[in-house]
Amino acid sequence: MTKKKTEIDIKEDLAAVSQMRMRNTVKTGPALFLSLLNQKYRNIEERRLQCEKNIGYQFKSPILLYHALAHRSLFSEKRQKGDAKATFDLHLKALKKIWSNERLEFLGDAVLSLSISTYLYKLEDQLEEGKLSVIRSSLVNETSLARVARRLSLGESLLLGKSEQASGGHKKNSLLADSLEAVIGAVYIDKGFKAAEKFVIKIFSHDLKSLVVDDLSHDYKTLLQELTQKFYKTIPTYELIHSEGEDHKKQFSIAVVFATATLGTATGASKKKASQLAAKKVYDLAKTIPSGEINKMTPEDFASRVVLLGQGTKT
């Protein structure tokens, strides 16, 4: 049976890591990092396996996942008198620089951006650079990343310090987004760019389809507004009809209202998305009416015509 390390042994191990870092050889770093995790978590292996199941990826080198999930707060806890485990806290700075997920986050950010950019370039080869950038920026941002992280239940697996955990760190958008980027970076290190690219497209598939298939629906709100402003000096409003589903899978139904009439409705994964979809539907109908006719219509007549056209498109 392996002899349990004493406090003195642990201090010596940590001192050895510091010396090896100075020589740019951290051979025992992984073992010491795992030792820290085993001190803090009784079920660390179960947490990793559950996380791999949630994200749909099995690591060839499991320690990379631990690395990706390790927030800097894990290495920054205050020493508590009489707590033998807190011995680590005297020397955690050496581990923090090596094993906190910040460097993987930096790498994952680049891999994510390239993966999404490549996908959009190949899929929508007729779109100009400006529109490609708009789609990418709507995906590669903190809110979007946090939403995907929640879909993968990543917050449950984050390795946080006690204070960060107590403050709800596993629910914070910033931590979820950063950790997701770190996981992407870890997949890249684990099996290369092709595997990382495949992983990115899989976890963002819902969002990609929602944005691209709709053909930049966020532009249609502006187009519809410009059309009604041009002819009637007023713009449509957007009203929430209802929402349903769990927080991380909620669907919103939005109505486009103009001249007191509901011109069209649509459902999406966010209020903004649903509004964009509804605006596209109404704008497409409005564009079938010749400009000369629109110019002669009252706002009420225009609204009635669009509603009638919408009824005619139903099957």
C-alpha atoms as a PDB file:
ATOM      1  CA  MET A   1       0.000   0.000   0.000  1.00  0.00           C
ATOM      2  CA  THR A   2       1.308   3.457  -0.922  1.00  0.00           C
ATOM      3  CA  LYS A   3       2.470   5.472   2.070  1.00  0.00           C
ATOM      4  CA  LYS A   4       0.393   8.610   2.630  1.00  0.00           C
ATOM      5  CA  LYS A   5       2.402  11.778   2.229  1.00  0.00           C
ATOM      6  CA  THR A   6       3.050  13.897   5.301  1.00  0.00           C
ATOM      7  CA  GLU A   7       2.931  17.693   5.371  1.00  0.00           C
ATOM      8  CA  ILE A   8       6.724  17.744   5.159  1.00  0.00           C
ATOM      9  CA  ASP A   9       6.665  15.488   2.079  1.00  0.00           C
ATOM     10  CA  ILE A  10       4.166  17.785   0.363  1.00  0.00           C
ATOM     11  CA  LYS A  11       6.249  20.852   1.133  1.00  0.00           C
ATOM     12  CA  GLU A  12       9.317  19.142  -0.297  1.00  0.00           C
ATOM     13  CA  ASP A  13       7.398  18.195  -3.455  1.00  0.00           C
ATOM     14  CA  LEU A  14       6.249  21.767  -3.948  1.00  0.00           C
ATOM     15  CA  ALA A  15       9.740  23.111  -3.396  1.00  0.00           C
ATOM     16  CA  ALA A  16      11.036  20.626  -5.954  1.00  0.00           C
ATOM     17  CA  VAL A  17       8.496  21.863  -8.492  1.00  0.00           C
ATOM     18  CA  SER A  18       9.665  25.440  -7.981  1.00  0.00           C
ATOM     19  CA  GLN A  19      13.271  24.402  -8.569  1.00  0.00           C
ATOM     20  CA  MET A  20      12.398  22.426 -11.695  1.00  0.00           C
ATOM     21  CA  ARG A  21      10.382  25.342 -13.058  1.00  0.00           C
ATOM     22  CA  MET A  22      13.516  27.444 -12.798  1.00  0.00           C
ATOM     23  CA  ARG A  23      15.282  24.823 -14.944  1.00  0.00           C
ATOM     24  CA  ASN A  24      12.246  24.751 -17.314  1.00  0.00           C
ATOM     25  CA  THR A  25      11.613  21.075 -16.501  1.00  0.00           C
ATOM     26  CA  VAL A  26       8.419  20.406 -14.565  1.00  0.00           C
ATOM     27  CA  LYS A  27       8.411  16.629 -14.712  1.00  0.00           C
ATOM     28  CA  THR A  28       6.517  16.096 -11.474  1.00  0.00           C
ATOM     29  CA  GLY A  29       4.052  18.930 -12.090  1.00  0.00           C
ATOM     30  CA  PRO A  30       1.189  16.706 -13.282  1.00  0.00           C
ATOM     31  CA  ALA A  31       1.562  14.339 -10.328  1.00  0.00           C
ATOM     32  CA  LEU A  32       1.536  17.227  -7.887  1.00  0.00           C
ATOM     33  CA  PHE A  33      -1.472  18.836  -9.589  1.00  0.00           C
ATOM     34  CA  LEU A  34      -3.388  15.556  -9.320  1.00  0.00           C
ATOM     35  CA  SER A  35      -2.331  15.271  -5.693  1.00  0.00           C
ATOM     36  CA  LEU A  36      -3.890  18.687  -5.047  1.00  0.00           C
ATOM     37  CA  LEU A  37      -7.125  17.679  -6.773  1.00  0.00           C
ATOM     38  CA  ASN A  38      -7.343  14.444  -4.795  1.00  0.00           C
ATOM     39  CA  GLN A  39      -6.846  16.413  -1.587  1.00  0.00           C
ATOM     40  CA  LYS A  40      -9.712  18.755  -2.436  1.00  0.00           C
ATOM     41  CA  TYR A  41     -12.161  16.411  -4.181  1.00  0.00           C
ATOM     42  CA  ARG A  42     -13.029  12.885  -3.119  1.00  0.00           C
ATOM     43  CA  ASN A  43     -14.762  12.126  -6.406  1.00  0.00           C
ATOM     44  CA  ILE A  44     -12.437  13.856  -8.876  1.00  0.00           C
ATOM     45  CA  GLU A  45     -12.393  10.890 -11.275  1.00  0.00           C
ATOM     46  CA  GLU A  46     -16.197  10.683 -11.308  1.00  0.00           C
ATOM     47  CA  ARG A  47     -16.400  14.431 -11.997  1.00  0.00           C
ATOM     48  CA  ARG A  48     -14.115  14.050 -15.005  1.00  0.00           C
ATOM     49  CA  LEU A  49     -16.025  11.100 -16.446  1.00  0.00           C
ATOM     50  CA  GLN A  50     -19.343  12.915 -16.047  1.00  0.00           C
ATOM     51  CA  CYS A  51     -17.905  16.015 -17.687  1.00  0.00           C
ATOM     52  CA  GLU A  52     -16.619  13.989 -20.655  1.00  0.00           C
ATOM     53  CA  LYS A  53     -20.090  12.501 -21.020  1.00  0.00           C
ATOM     54  CA  ASN A  54     -21.709  15.941 -20.878  1.00  0.00           C
ATOM     55  CA  ILE A  55     -19.437  17.498 -23.498  1.00  0.00           C
ATOM     56  CA  GLY A  56     -19.394  14.421 -25.728  1.00  0.00           C
ATOM     57  CA  TYR A  57     -15.615  14.076 -25.885  1.00  0.00           C
ATOM     58  CA  GLN A  58     -13.252  11.538 -24.269  1.00  0.00           C
ATOM     59  CA  PHE A  59      -9.743  12.767 -23.598  1.00  0.00           C
ATOM     60  CA  LYS A  60      -6.743  10.700 -24.563  1.00  0.00           C
ATOM     61  CA  SER A  61      -4.888  12.580 -21.820  1.00  0.00           C
ATOM     62  CA  PRO A  62      -7.439  13.106 -19.002  1.00  0.00           C
ATOM     63  CA  ILE A  63      -5.261  15.572 -17.094  1.00  0.00           C
ATOM     64  CA  LEU A  64      -5.900  18.087 -19.879  1.00  0.00           C
ATOM     65  CA  LEU A  65      -9.550  18.238 -18.890  1.00  0.00           C
ATOM     66  CA  TYR A  66      -8.632  18.857 -15.256  1.00  0.00           C
ATOM     67  CA  HIS A  67      -6.300  21.585 -16.505  1.00  0.00           C
ATOM     68  CA  ALA A  68      -9.101  23.190 -18.543  1.00  0.00           C
ATOM     69  CA  LEU A  69     -11.519  23.161 -15.610  1.00  0.00           C
ATOM     70  CA  ALA A  70      -9.085  24.512 -13.009  1.00  0.00           C
ATOM     71  CA  HIS A  71      -9.926  28.134 -12.240  1.00  0.00           C
ATOM     72  CA  ARG A  72      -7.200  30.308 -10.728  1.00  0.00           C
ATOM     73  CA  SER A  73      -9.181  30.529  -7.468  1.00  0.00           C
ATOM     74  CA  LEU A  74      -8.447  26.845  -6.882  1.00  0.00           C
ATOM     75  CA  PHE A  75      -4.846  27.839  -6.165  1.00  0.00           C
ATOM     76  CA  SER A  76      -5.557  30.989  -4.175  1.00  0.00           C
ATOM     77  CA  GLU A  77      -7.324  29.897  -1.013  1.00  0.00           C
ATOM     78  CA  LYS A  78      -6.367  31.279   2.383  1.00  0.00           C
ATOM     79  CA  ARG A  79      -4.678  29.013   4.870  1.00  0.00           C
ATOM     80  CA  GLN A  80      -6.906  27.804   7.678  1.00  0.00           C
ATOM     81  CA  LYS A  81      -5.304  27.084  11.043  1.00  0.00           C
ATOM     82  CA  GLY A  82      -5.292  23.397  11.924  1.00  0.00           C
ATOM     83  CA  ASP A  83      -6.289  22.323   8.404  1.00  0.00           C
ATOM     84  CA  ALA A  84      -3.654  19.901   7.105  1.00  0.00           C
ATOM     85  CA  LYS A  85      -4.931  20.243   3.547  1.00  0.00           C
ATOM     86  CA  ALA A  86      -4.191  23.964   3.659  1.00  0.00           C
ATOM     87  CA  THR A  87      -0.459  23.177   3.612  1.00  0.00           C
ATOM     88  CA  PHE A  88      -0.711  23.468  -0.140  1.00  0.00           C
ATOM     89  CA  ASP A  89      -1.853  27.077   0.179  1.00  0.00           C
ATOM     90  CA  LEU A  90       1.631  28.192   1.229  1.00  0.00           C
ATOM     91  CA  HIS A  91       3.114  27.201  -2.105  1.00  0.00           C
ATOM     92  CA  LEU A  92       0.293  27.147  -4.637  1.00  0.00           C
ATOM     93  CA  LYS A  93       1.683  30.033  -6.655  1.00  0.00           C
ATOM     94  CA  ALA A  94       4.036  27.650  -8.457  1.00  0.00           C
ATOM     95  CA  LEU A  95       1.157  25.385  -9.452  1.00  0.00           C
ATOM     96  CA  LYS A  96      -1.122  28.279 -10.347  1.00  0.00           C
ATOM     97  CA  LYS A  97       1.078  29.510 -13.176  1.00  0.00           C
ATOM     98  CA  ILE A  98       1.257  26.036 -14.679  1.00  0.00           C
ATOM     99  CA  TRP A  99      -2.172  24.521 -14.089  1.00  0.00           C
ATOM    100  CA  SER A 100      -4.796  27.279 -13.960  1.00  0.00           C
ATOM    101  CA  ASN A 101      -6.828  27.265 -17.172  1.00  0.00           C
ATOM    102  CA  GLU A 102      -5.877  30.760 -18.366  1.00  0.00           C
ATOM    103  CA  ARG A 103      -3.257  29.655 -20.904  1.00  0.00           C
ATOM    104  CA  LEU A 104      -5.596  27.021 -22.333  1.00  0.00           C
ATOM    105  CA  GLU A 105      -8.307  29.668 -22.525  1.00  0.00           C
ATOM    106  CA  PHE A 106      -5.983  31.846 -24.602  1.00  0.00           C
ATOM    107  CA  LEU A 107      -5.311  28.959 -26.962  1.00  0.00           C
ATOM    108  CA  GLY A 108      -8.944  27.873 -27.116  1.00  0.00           C
ATOM    109  CA  ASP A 109     -10.053  31.383 -28.065  1.00  0.00           C
ATOM    110  CA  ALA A 110      -7.889  31.206 -31.204  1.00  0.00           C
ATOM    111  CA  VAL A 111      -9.019  27.661 -32.067  1.00  0.00           C
ATOM    112  CA  LEU A 112     -12.672  28.606 -31.602  1.00  0.00           C
ATOM    113  CA  SER A 113     -12.406  31.674 -33.807  1.00  0.00           C
ATOM    114  CA  LEU A 114     -10.617  29.808 -36.591  1.00  0.00           C
ATOM    115  CA  SER A 115     -13.045  26.871 -36.443  1.00  0.00           C
ATOM    116  CA  ILE A 116     -16.137  29.082 -36.661  1.00  0.00           C
ATOM    117  CA  SER A 117     -14.562  31.275 -39.362  1.00  0.00           C
ATOM    118  CA  THR A 118     -13.637  28.254 -41.494  1.00  0.00           C
ATOM    119  CA  TYR A 119     -17.101  26.746 -41.130  1.00  0.00           C
ATOM    120  CA  LEU A 120     -18.834  29.986 -42.159  1.00  0.00           C
ATOM    121  CA  TYR A 121     -16.450  30.581 -45.061  1.00  0.00           C
ATOM    122  CA  LYS A 122     -17.098  27.135 -46.520  1.00  0.00           C
ATOM    123  CA  LEU A 123     -20.832  27.088 -45.843  1.00  0.00           C
ATOM    124  CA  GLU A 124     -21.745  30.588 -46.972  1.00  0.00           C
ATOM    125  CA  ASP A 125     -19.287  31.325 -49.779  1.00  0.00           C
ATOM    126  CA  GLN A 126     -21.531  34.053 -51.203  1.00  0.00           C
ATOM    127  CA  LEU A 127     -21.585  36.187 -48.046  1.00  0.00           C
ATOM    128  CA  GLU A 128     -19.350  39.220 -47.889  1.00  0.00           C
ATOM    129  CA  GLU A 129     -16.729  39.656 -45.182  1.00  0.00           C
ATOM    130  CA  GLY A 130     -18.801  42.102 -43.154  1.00  0.00           C
ATOM    131  CA  LYS A 131     -21.730  39.705 -42.807  1.00  0.00           C
ATOM    132  CA  LEU A 132     -19.420  36.790 -41.978  1.00  0.00           C
ATOM    133  CA  SER A 133     -17.911  38.884 -39.193  1.00  0.00           C
ATOM    134  CA  VAL A 134     -21.354  39.724 -37.805  1.00  0.00           C
ATOM    135  CA  ILE A 135     -22.341  36.052 -37.591  1.00  0.00           C
ATOM    136  CA  ARG A 136     -19.023  35.085 -36.012  1.00  0.00           C
ATOM    137  CA  SER A 137     -19.184  37.848 -33.414  1.00  0.00           C
ATOM    138  CA  SER A 138     -22.715  36.776 -32.467  1.00  0.00           C
ATOM    139  CA  LEU A 139     -21.313  33.317 -31.669  1.00  0.00           C
ATOM    140  CA  VAL A 140     -17.876  34.098 -30.245  1.00  0.00           C
ATOM    141  CA  ASN A 141     -18.801  36.287 -27.288  1.00  0.00           C
ATOM    142  CA  GLU A 142     -19.220  35.783 -23.568  1.00  0.00           C
ATOM    143  CA  THR A 143     -23.006  35.453 -23.594  1.00  0.00           C
ATOM    144  CA  SER A 144     -23.029  32.915 -26.417  1.00  0.00           C
ATOM    145  CA  LEU A 145     -20.165  30.895 -24.935  1.00  0.00           C
ATOM    146  CA  ALA A 146     -21.814  30.828 -21.509  1.00  0.00           C
ATOM    147  CA  ARG A 147     -25.065  29.627 -23.079  1.00  0.00           C
ATOM    148  CA  VAL A 148     -23.265  26.744 -24.789  1.00  0.00           C
ATOM    149  CA  ALA A 149     -21.389  25.953 -21.557  1.00  0.00           C
ATOM    150  CA  ARG A 150     -24.695  25.721 -19.683  1.00  0.00           C
ATOM    151  CA  ARG A 151     -26.081  23.449 -22.376  1.00  0.00           C
ATOM    152  CA  LEU A 152     -23.105  21.157 -21.692  1.00  0.00           C
ATOM    153  CA  SER A 153     -23.558  21.439 -17.891  1.00  0.00           C
ATOM    154  CA  LEU A 154     -19.966  22.619 -17.696  1.00  0.00           C
ATOM    155  CA  GLY A 155     -20.548  24.637 -14.536  1.00  0.00           C
ATOM    156  CA  GLU A 156     -21.068  21.450 -12.529  1.00  0.00           C
ATOM    157  CA  SER A 157     -17.522  20.344 -13.324  1.00  0.00           C
ATOM    158  CA  LEU A 158     -15.548  23.552 -12.728  1.00  0.00           C
ATOM    159  CA  LEU A 159     -12.704  23.245 -10.217  1.00  0.00           C
ATOM    160  CA  LEU A 160     -13.033  26.350  -8.066  1.00  0.00           C
ATOM    161  CA  GLY A 161     -11.691  27.672  -4.793  1.00  0.00           C
ATOM    162  CA  LYS A 162     -14.026  27.668  -1.806  1.00  0.00           C
ATOM    163  CA  SER A 163     -14.734  31.403  -1.949  1.00  0.00           C
ATOM    164  CA  GLU A 164     -15.451  31.379  -5.700  1.00  0.00           C
ATOM    165  CA  GLN A 165     -17.683  28.342  -5.325  1.00  0.00           C
ATOM    166  CA  ALA A 166     -19.562  30.008  -2.451  1.00  0.00           C
ATOM    167  CA  SER A 167     -20.159  33.136  -4.549  1.00  0.00           C
ATOM    168  CA  GLY A 168     -21.778  31.093  -7.332  1.00  0.00           C
ATOM    169  CA  GLY A 169     -18.775  31.081  -9.638  1.00  0.00           C
ATOM    170  CA  HIS A 170     -20.040  28.002 -11.449  1.00  0.00           C
ATOM    171  CA  LYS A 171     -22.986  30.098 -12.702  1.00  0.00           C
ATOM    172  CA  LYS A 172     -21.080  33.203 -13.801  1.00  0.00           C
ATOM    173  CA  ASN A 173     -21.057  33.932 -17.536  1.00  0.00           C
ATOM    174  CA  SER A 174     -17.412  34.978 -17.471  1.00  0.00           C
ATOM    175  CA  LEU A 175     -16.182  31.778 -15.808  1.00  0.00           C
ATOM    176  CA  LEU A 176     -18.355  29.550 -17.979  1.00  0.00           C
ATOM    177  CA  ALA A 177     -17.196  31.262 -21.180  1.00  0.00           C
ATOM    178  CA  ASP A 178     -13.527  31.176 -20.196  1.00  0.00           C
ATOM    179  CA  SER A 179     -13.724  27.526 -19.164  1.00  0.00           C
ATOM    180  CA  LEU A 180     -15.398  26.516 -22.419  1.00  0.00           C
ATOM    181  CA  GLU A 181     -12.576  28.163 -24.364  1.00  0.00           C
ATOM    182  CA  ALA A 182     -10.082  26.328 -22.145  1.00  0.00           C
ATOM    183  CA  VAL A 183     -11.809  23.001 -22.873  1.00  0.00           C
ATOM    184  CA  ILE A 184     -11.566  23.743 -26.606  1.00  0.00           C
ATOM    185  CA  GLY A 185      -7.861  24.478 -26.145  1.00  0.00           C
ATOM    186  CA  ALA A 186      -7.461  21.218 -24.250  1.00  0.00           C
ATOM    187  CA  VAL A 187      -9.111  19.236 -27.055  1.00  0.00           C
ATOM    188  CA  TYR A 188      -6.698  20.884 -29.505  1.00  0.00           C
ATOM    189  CA  ILE A 189      -3.691  19.845 -27.399  1.00  0.00           C
ATOM    190  CA  ASP A 190      -5.159  16.378 -26.897  1.00  0.00           C
ATOM    191  CA  LYS A 191      -5.845  15.387 -30.516  1.00  0.00           C
ATOM    192  CA  GLY A 192      -5.021  18.316 -32.799  1.00  0.00           C
ATOM    193  CA  PHE A 193      -6.922  20.932 -34.773  1.00  0.00           C
ATOM    194  CA  LYS A 194      -9.199  18.605 -36.757  1.00  0.00           C
ATOM    195  CA  ALA A 195     -10.556  17.063 -33.559  1.00  0.00           C
ATOM    196  CA  ALA A 196     -10.936  20.496 -31.951  1.00  0.00           C
ATOM    197  CA  GLU A 197     -12.690  21.892 -35.019  1.00  0.00           C
ATOM    198  CA  LYS A 198     -15.097  18.950 -35.058  1.00  0.00           C
ATOM    199  CA  PHE A 199     -15.775  19.459 -31.349  1.00  0.00           C
ATOM    200  CA  VAL A 200     -16.459  23.186 -31.818  1.00  0.00           C
ATOM    201  CA  ILE A 201     -18.882  22.680 -34.705  1.00  0.00           C
ATOM    202  CA  LYS A 202     -20.714  19.964 -32.770  1.00  0.00           C
ATOM    203  CA  ILE A 203     -21.270  22.014 -29.614  1.00  0.00           C
ATOM    204  CA  PHE A 204     -22.224  25.126 -31.615  1.00  0.00           C
ATOM    205  CA  SER A 205     -24.332  23.267 -34.196  1.00  0.00           C
ATOM    206  CA  HIS A 206     -27.664  24.537 -32.823  1.00  0.00           C
ATOM    207  CA  ASP A 207     -26.485  28.155 -32.821  1.00  0.00           C
ATOM    208  CA  LEU A 208     -24.836  27.900 -36.240  1.00  0.00           C
ATOM    209  CA  LYS A 209     -27.934  26.483 -37.878  1.00  0.00           C
ATOM    210  CA  SER A 210     -30.137  29.033 -36.166  1.00  0.00           C
ATOM    211  CA  LEU A 211     -28.060  31.950 -37.456  1.00  0.00           C
ATOM    212  CA  VAL A 212     -26.932  30.791 -40.891  1.00  0.00           C
ATOM    213  CA  VAL A 213     -30.104  29.083 -42.116  1.00  0.00           C
ATOM    214  CA  ASP A 214     -31.995  32.250 -41.279  1.00  0.00           C
ATOM    215  CA  ASP A 215     -29.594  34.143 -43.570  1.00  0.00           C
ATOM    216  CA  LEU A 216     -28.599  36.924 -41.219  1.00  0.00           C
ATOM    217  CA  SER A 217     -32.078  37.558 -39.854  1.00  0.00           C
ATOM    218  CA  HIS A 218     -30.783  40.315 -37.570  1.00  0.00           C
ATOM    219  CA  ASP A 219     -30.553  42.514 -40.690  1.00  0.00           C
ATOM    220  CA  TYR A 220     -34.277  42.167 -41.363  1.00  0.00           C
ATOM    221  CA  LYS A 221     -35.366  44.169 -38.334  1.00  0.00           C
ATOM    222  CA  THR A 222     -33.445  47.111 -39.758  1.00  0.00           C
ATOM    223  CA  LEU A 223     -34.741  46.514 -43.281  1.00  0.00           C
ATOM    224  CA  LEU A 224     -38.361  46.337 -42.098  1.00  0.00           C
ATOM    225  CA  GLN A 225     -37.900  49.442 -39.982  1.00  0.00           C
ATOM    226  CA  GLU A 226     -36.433  51.340 -42.939  1.00  0.00           C
ATOM    227  CA  LEU A 227     -39.346  50.281 -45.155  1.00  0.00           C
ATOM    228  CA  THR A 228     -42.090  51.415 -42.760  1.00  0.00           C
ATOM    229  CA  GLN A 229     -40.195  54.556 -41.832  1.00  0.00           C
ATOM    230  CA  LYS A 230     -39.850  55.486 -45.497  1.00  0.00           C
ATOM    231  CA  PHE A 231     -43.548  55.188 -46.321  1.00  0.00           C
ATOM    232  CA  TYR A 232     -45.277  55.836 -42.993  1.00  0.00           C
ATOM    233  CA  LYS A 233     -42.791  57.652 -40.750  1.00  0.00           C
ATOM    234  CA  THR A 234     -43.276  55.023 -38.035  1.00  0.00           C
ATOM    235  CA  ILE A 235     -41.792  51.649 -37.165  1.00  0.00           C
ATOM    236  CA  PRO A 236     -43.068  48.238 -36.005  1.00  0.00           C
ATOM    237  CA  THR A 237     -42.936  47.082 -32.403  1.00  0.00           C
ATOM    238  CA  TYR A 238     -42.108  43.611 -31.100  1.00  0.00           C
ATOM    239  CA  GLU A 239     -44.179  41.963 -28.382  1.00  0.00           C
ATOM    240  CA  LEU A 240     -43.512  38.798 -26.402  1.00  0.00           C
ATOM    241  CA  ILE A 241     -46.430  36.392 -26.810  1.00  0.00           C
ATOM    242  CA  HIS A 242     -45.161  33.648 -24.516  1.00  0.00           C
ATOM    243  CA  SER A 243     -42.096  31.643 -23.496  1.00  0.00           C
ATOM    244  CA  GLU A 244     -41.682  28.019 -22.486  1.00  0.00           C
ATOM    245  CA  GLY A 245     -39.012  25.492 -21.544  1.00  0.00           C
ATOM    246  CA  GLU A 246     -36.202  25.268 -18.987  1.00  0.00           C
ATOM    247  CA  ASP A 247     -33.898  28.257 -18.524  1.00  0.00           C
ATOM    248  CA  HIS A 248     -31.102  26.861 -20.695  1.00  0.00           C
ATOM    249  CA  LYS A 249     -33.525  25.591 -23.367  1.00  0.00           C
ATOM    250  CA  LYS A 250     -36.210  28.276 -23.295  1.00  0.00           C
ATOM    251  CA  GLN A 251     -38.102  29.225 -26.462  1.00  0.00           C
ATOM    252  CA  PHE A 252     -39.633  32.662 -27.013  1.00  0.00           C
ATOM    253  CA  SER A 253     -42.509  33.603 -29.326  1.00  0.00           C
ATOM    254  CA  ILE A 254     -42.491  37.189 -30.621  1.00  0.00           C
ATOM    255  CA  ALA A 255     -45.084  39.117 -32.650  1.00  0.00           C
ATOM    256  CA  VAL A 256     -44.408  41.999 -35.057  1.00  0.00           C
ATOM    257  CA  VAL A 257     -47.072  44.661 -34.483  1.00  0.00           C
ATOM    258  CA  PHE A 258     -47.767  47.548 -36.868  1.00  0.00           C
ATOM    259  CA  ALA A 259     -50.823  49.830 -37.018  1.00  0.00           C
ATOM    260  CA  THR A 260     -52.337  47.769 -34.167  1.00  0.00           C
ATOM    261  CA  ALA A 261     -52.212  44.605 -36.308  1.00  0.00           C
ATOM    262  CA  THR A 262     -50.030  41.522 -35.766  1.00  0.00           C
ATOM    263  CA  LEU A 263     -48.181  41.112 -39.047  1.00  0.00           C
ATOM    264  CA  GLY A 264     -46.323  37.926 -38.192  1.00  0.00           C
ATOM    265  CA  THR A 265     -44.913  35.788 -35.386  1.00  0.00           C
ATOM    266  CA  ALA A 266     -41.884  33.569 -34.874  1.00  0.00           C
ATOM    267  CA  THR A 267     -40.232  31.456 -32.187  1.00  0.00           C
ATOM    268  CA  GLY A 268     -36.542  31.384 -31.280  1.00  0.00           C
ATOM    269  CA  ALA A 269     -34.009  30.501 -28.587  1.00  0.00           C
ATOM    270  CA  SER A 270     -33.914  34.143 -27.435  1.00  0.00           C
ATOM    271  CA  LYS A 271     -36.154  37.192 -27.663  1.00  0.00           C
ATOM    272  CA  LYS A 272     -33.693  38.788 -30.047  1.00  0.00           C
ATOM    273  CA  LYS A 273     -33.575  35.744 -32.289  1.00  0.00           C
ATOM    274  CA  ALA A 274     -37.353  35.369 -32.358  1.00  0.00           C
ATOM    275  CA  SER A 275     -37.720  39.066 -33.195  1.00  0.00           C
ATOM    276  CA  GLN A 276     -35.274  38.699 -36.058  1.00  0.00           C
ATOM    277  CA  LEU A 277     -37.098  35.677 -37.451  1.00  0.00           C
ATOM    278  CA  ALA A 278     -40.467  37.438 -37.237  1.00  0.00           C
ATOM    279  CA  ALA A 279     -39.060  40.556 -38.925  1.00  0.00           C
ATOM    280  CA  LYS A 280     -37.691  38.463 -41.797  1.00  0.00           C
ATOM    281  CA  LYS A 281     -41.067  36.807 -42.324  1.00  0.00           C
ATOM    282  CA  VAL A 282     -42.890  40.151 -42.452  1.00  0.00           C
ATOM    283  CA  TYR A 283     -40.262  41.852 -44.592  1.00  0.00           C
ATOM    284  CA  ASP A 284     -40.341  39.050 -47.165  1.00  0.00           C
ATOM    285  CA  LEU A 285     -44.138  39.440 -47.428  1.00  0.00           C
ATOM    286  CA  ALA A 286     -43.937  43.232 -47.662  1.00  0.00           C
ATOM    287  CA  LYS A 287     -41.414  43.068 -50.495  1.00  0.00           C
ATOM    288  CA  THR A 288     -43.948  41.229 -52.661  1.00  0.00           C
ATOM    289  CA  ILE A 289     -46.057  44.413 -52.711  1.00  0.00           C
ATOM    290  CA  PRO A 290     -44.971  46.914 -55.395  1.00  0.00           C
ATOM    291  CA  SER A 291     -43.573  50.158 -53.954  1.00  0.00           C
ATOM    292  CA  GLY A 292     -46.102  52.174 -55.945  1.00  0.00           C
ATOM    293  CA  GLU A 293     -48.944  50.407 -54.181  1.00  0.00           C
ATOM    294  CA  ILE A 294     -47.381  50.752 -50.732  1.00  0.00           C
ATOM    295  CA  ASN A 295     -46.998  54.481 -51.351  1.00  0.00           C
ATOM    296  CA  LYS A 296     -50.774  54.809 -51.827  1.00  0.00           C
ATOM    297  CA  MET A 297     -51.738  52.715 -48.811  1.00  0.00           C
ATOM    298  CA  THR A 298     -52.510  53.895 -45.313  1.00  0.00           C
ATOM    299  CA  PRO A 299     -50.603  52.135 -42.508  1.00  0.00           C
ATOM    300  CA  GLU A 300     -53.770  50.166 -41.747  1.00  0.00           C
ATOM    301  CA  ASP A 301     -54.191  49.096 -45.379  1.00  0.00           C
ATOM    302  CA  PHE A 302     -50.546  48.039 -45.541  1.00  0.00           C
ATOM    303  CA  ALA A 303     -50.915  46.007 -42.340  1.00  0.00           C
ATOM    304  CA  SER A 304     -54.065  44.297 -43.631  1.00  0.00           C
ATOM    305  CA  ARG A 305     -52.351  43.429 -46.912  1.00  0.00           C
ATOM    306  CA  VAL A 306     -49.351  41.871 -45.166  1.00  0.00           C
ATOM    307  CA  VAL A 307     -51.610  39.853 -42.876  1.00  0.00           C
ATOM    308  CA  LEU A 308     -53.582  38.610 -45.893  1.00  0.00           C
ATOM    309  CA  LEU A 309     -50.379  37.662 -47.711  1.00  0.00           C
ATOM    310  CA  GLY A 310     -49.217  35.798 -44.614  1.00  0.00           C
ATOM    311  CA  GLN A 311     -52.417  33.790 -44.493  1.00  0.00           C
ATOM    312  CA  GLY A 312     -51.934  32.911 -48.149  1.00  0.00           C
ATOM    313  CA  THR A 313     -48.489  31.421 -47.459  1.00  0.00           C
ATOM    314  CA  LYS A 314     -49.799  28.948 -44.871  1.00  0.00           C
ATOM    315  CA  THR A 315     -50.149  25.349 -45.939  1.00  0.00           C
END
